[in-house]
């Protein structure tokens, strides 16, 4: 069955960096898009970034543009989220997700309106001094 496992979260000081990993199994990663979401306490979940199967589409929420980079290594069946210049407002549980039919959306609202079917368990990122 489809499984996604996130890792790489932790505690980091403001201005620091982290790299999150999303290990995929149970499906052929090469043919599917993967998105990263985050949810902070008391806030709605938001789509952070997405990368399509053929790298033709990438999405970043405005608040992370220029600081976060999404990439994929199909041979390792892993998608990464490189996070730099981290801010306290980046603190959240980060999830990766996929859908065997839907691709990446270029509009943030679509990630809520048309949710993905498969989700990992999440990894905590805390940005604090």
Foldseek 3Di string as FASTA:
>chain_A
DWAWAKDWADEAAQQAKIKMKIAIDDDQQLQWKKWKWWDDPPDDIWTAWIAGNVRPDIEGDPVQPPFWDWDDDRVRRMIMIIGGSDDQVVWTWMKMAIAPPDHDDHDGVVCVVPPHDDIHPTDTHGHHD
